[in-house]
Each structure stands twice: as structure tokens, then as C-alpha cells.
Amino acid sequence: MTFGLLNCPKDSSILGKIASFIGDNKQQLAMEVAQGRGEHLAALIEMYGVTDQQAAISALKASHTEIFSQASAADIEAQMEKALNIDLS
């Protein structure tokens, strides 16, 4: 898996990489978060640096509607950070 970062400059921040990944994989992520499993979801959680994958999946799944009702990748990312209770800014 390439994390969908082919168009991301090497020196991009983690926020830029996550936003690119979300933008490139929005539909797949929405489906995998709803299901609570999948390669894209696992990759995203790894990118966020979350160690408790199951807790992260549960938090994202519980906030699925709020997260994926957002239009932009940046807004989706912000809702994910809120659900995961992390701040990467």
C-alpha cells in the first residue's frame, strides 16, 4: 500500500500528507470507517500515530456522520482529529 501519497511532496507535513490521503481516498475511507475495518482505515490510523487501533476505529465509527458530512479533506481531517482527541496542528 502506498498510502495514496504519490502526489505529495517529500517534505510535506504530516497534516498535508493526511489531508492528501483523505482527499484521494474519501469514499473508501467512509466505507471502511462504517465497517470498522480496512486497509485505508488502518493506514490512516497509522499515519495519525495512534497506538490503540481498536479504540481509534470505535471513535471514528461513532463519529462517522459528523466526519463524512464534511465537504473538504481538511474539514474531514479536523473532525477525525476531534473524534480521536488529538491535535496535530
Protein backbone atom coordinates (compact mmCIF):
# COMPACT_ATOMS: atom_id res chain seq x y z
CA MET A 1 0.00 0.00 0.00
CA THR A 2 1.35 3.41 -0.94
CA PHE A 3 -0.82 5.44 1.47
CA GLY A 4 -2.14 7.39 -1.56
CA LEU A 5 0.68 9.90 -1.21
CA LEU A 6 2.06 9.80 -4.74
CA ASN A 7 1.23 13.47 -5.36
CA CYS A 8 2.53 14.65 -2.00
CA PRO A 9 5.93 16.40 -1.88
CA LYS A 10 8.54 14.57 0.20
CA ASP A 11 8.83 17.45 2.64
CA SER A 12 5.09 17.80 3.24
CA SER A 13 3.95 17.99 6.83
CA ILE A 14 2.05 15.10 8.37
CA LEU A 15 -1.10 17.24 8.13
CA GLY A 16 -0.56 17.71 4.41
CA LYS A 17 0.03 14.01 3.92
CA ILE A 18 -3.07 13.06 5.90
CA ALA A 19 -5.19 15.63 4.03
CA SER A 20 -3.93 14.29 0.67
CA PHE A 21 -4.62 10.73 1.76
CA ILE A 22 -8.15 11.63 2.87
CA GLY A 23 -8.82 13.58 -0.32
CA ASP A 24 -7.62 10.72 -2.51
CA ASN A 25 -9.47 8.02 -0.54
CA LYS A 26 -12.60 9.74 0.85
CA GLN A 27 -15.17 7.25 -0.43
CA GLN A 28 -13.14 4.21 0.54
CA LEU A 29 -12.44 5.65 3.99
CA ALA A 30 -16.12 6.42 4.55
CA MET A 31 -17.00 2.81 3.75
CA GLU A 32 -14.18 1.34 5.86
CA VAL A 33 -14.93 3.56 8.86
CA ALA A 34 -18.58 2.49 8.68
CA GLN A 35 -17.49 -1.17 8.55
CA GLY A 36 -14.82 -0.72 11.21
CA ARG A 37 -12.09 -2.35 9.13
CA GLY A 38 -9.99 -1.98 6.02
CA GLU A 39 -6.53 -1.20 4.68
CA HIS A 40 -7.15 2.50 4.11
CA LEU A 41 -8.52 2.92 7.62
CA ALA A 42 -5.57 1.05 9.13
CA ALA A 43 -3.14 3.20 7.12
CA LEU A 44 -4.86 6.40 8.24
CA ILE A 45 -4.75 5.39 11.90
CA GLU A 46 -1.06 4.58 11.49
CA MET A 47 -0.46 8.00 9.90
CA TYR A 48 -2.09 9.64 12.91
CA GLY A 49 0.29 7.68 15.15
CA VAL A 50 -2.49 6.17 17.24
CA THR A 51 -1.35 3.05 19.09
CA ASP A 52 -4.75 1.68 20.15
CA GLN A 53 -6.20 0.84 16.75
CA GLN A 54 -9.45 -0.62 18.09
CA ALA A 55 -10.20 2.45 20.20
CA ALA A 56 -9.47 4.69 17.20
CA ILE A 57 -11.75 2.65 14.96
CA SER A 58 -14.54 2.82 17.55
CA ALA A 59 -14.13 6.59 17.93
CA LEU A 60 -14.15 7.19 14.18
CA LYS A 61 -17.09 4.84 13.65
CA ALA A 62 -19.11 6.60 16.37
CA SER A 63 -18.45 9.95 14.66
CA HIS A 64 -18.93 8.69 11.08
CA THR A 65 -21.83 11.04 10.26
CA GLU A 66 -20.08 14.14 11.58
CA ILE A 67 -16.83 13.24 9.86
CA PHE A 68 -18.10 12.37 6.41
CA SER A 69 -20.76 15.07 6.20
CA GLN A 70 -17.84 17.46 5.65
CA ALA A 71 -17.04 18.51 2.09
CA SER A 72 -13.30 19.14 2.18
CA ALA A 73 -10.47 16.83 3.14
CA ALA A 74 -9.28 19.43 5.66
CA ASP A 75 -12.69 19.50 7.36
CA ILE A 76 -12.87 15.70 7.40
CA GLU A 77 -9.38 15.64 8.90
CA ALA A 78 -10.41 18.15 11.58
CA GLN A 79 -13.43 16.04 12.52
CA MET A 80 -11.26 12.92 12.66
CA GLU A 81 -8.78 14.65 14.96
CA LYS A 82 -11.68 15.73 17.15
CA ALA A 83 -13.04 12.17 17.28
CA LEU A 84 -9.58 10.78 18.06
CA ASN A 85 -8.97 13.55 20.60
CA ILE A 86 -5.64 14.53 19.05
CA ASP A 87 -4.20 17.81 17.83
CA LEU A 88 -1.61 17.75 15.07
CA SER A 89 -1.66 21.49 14.35
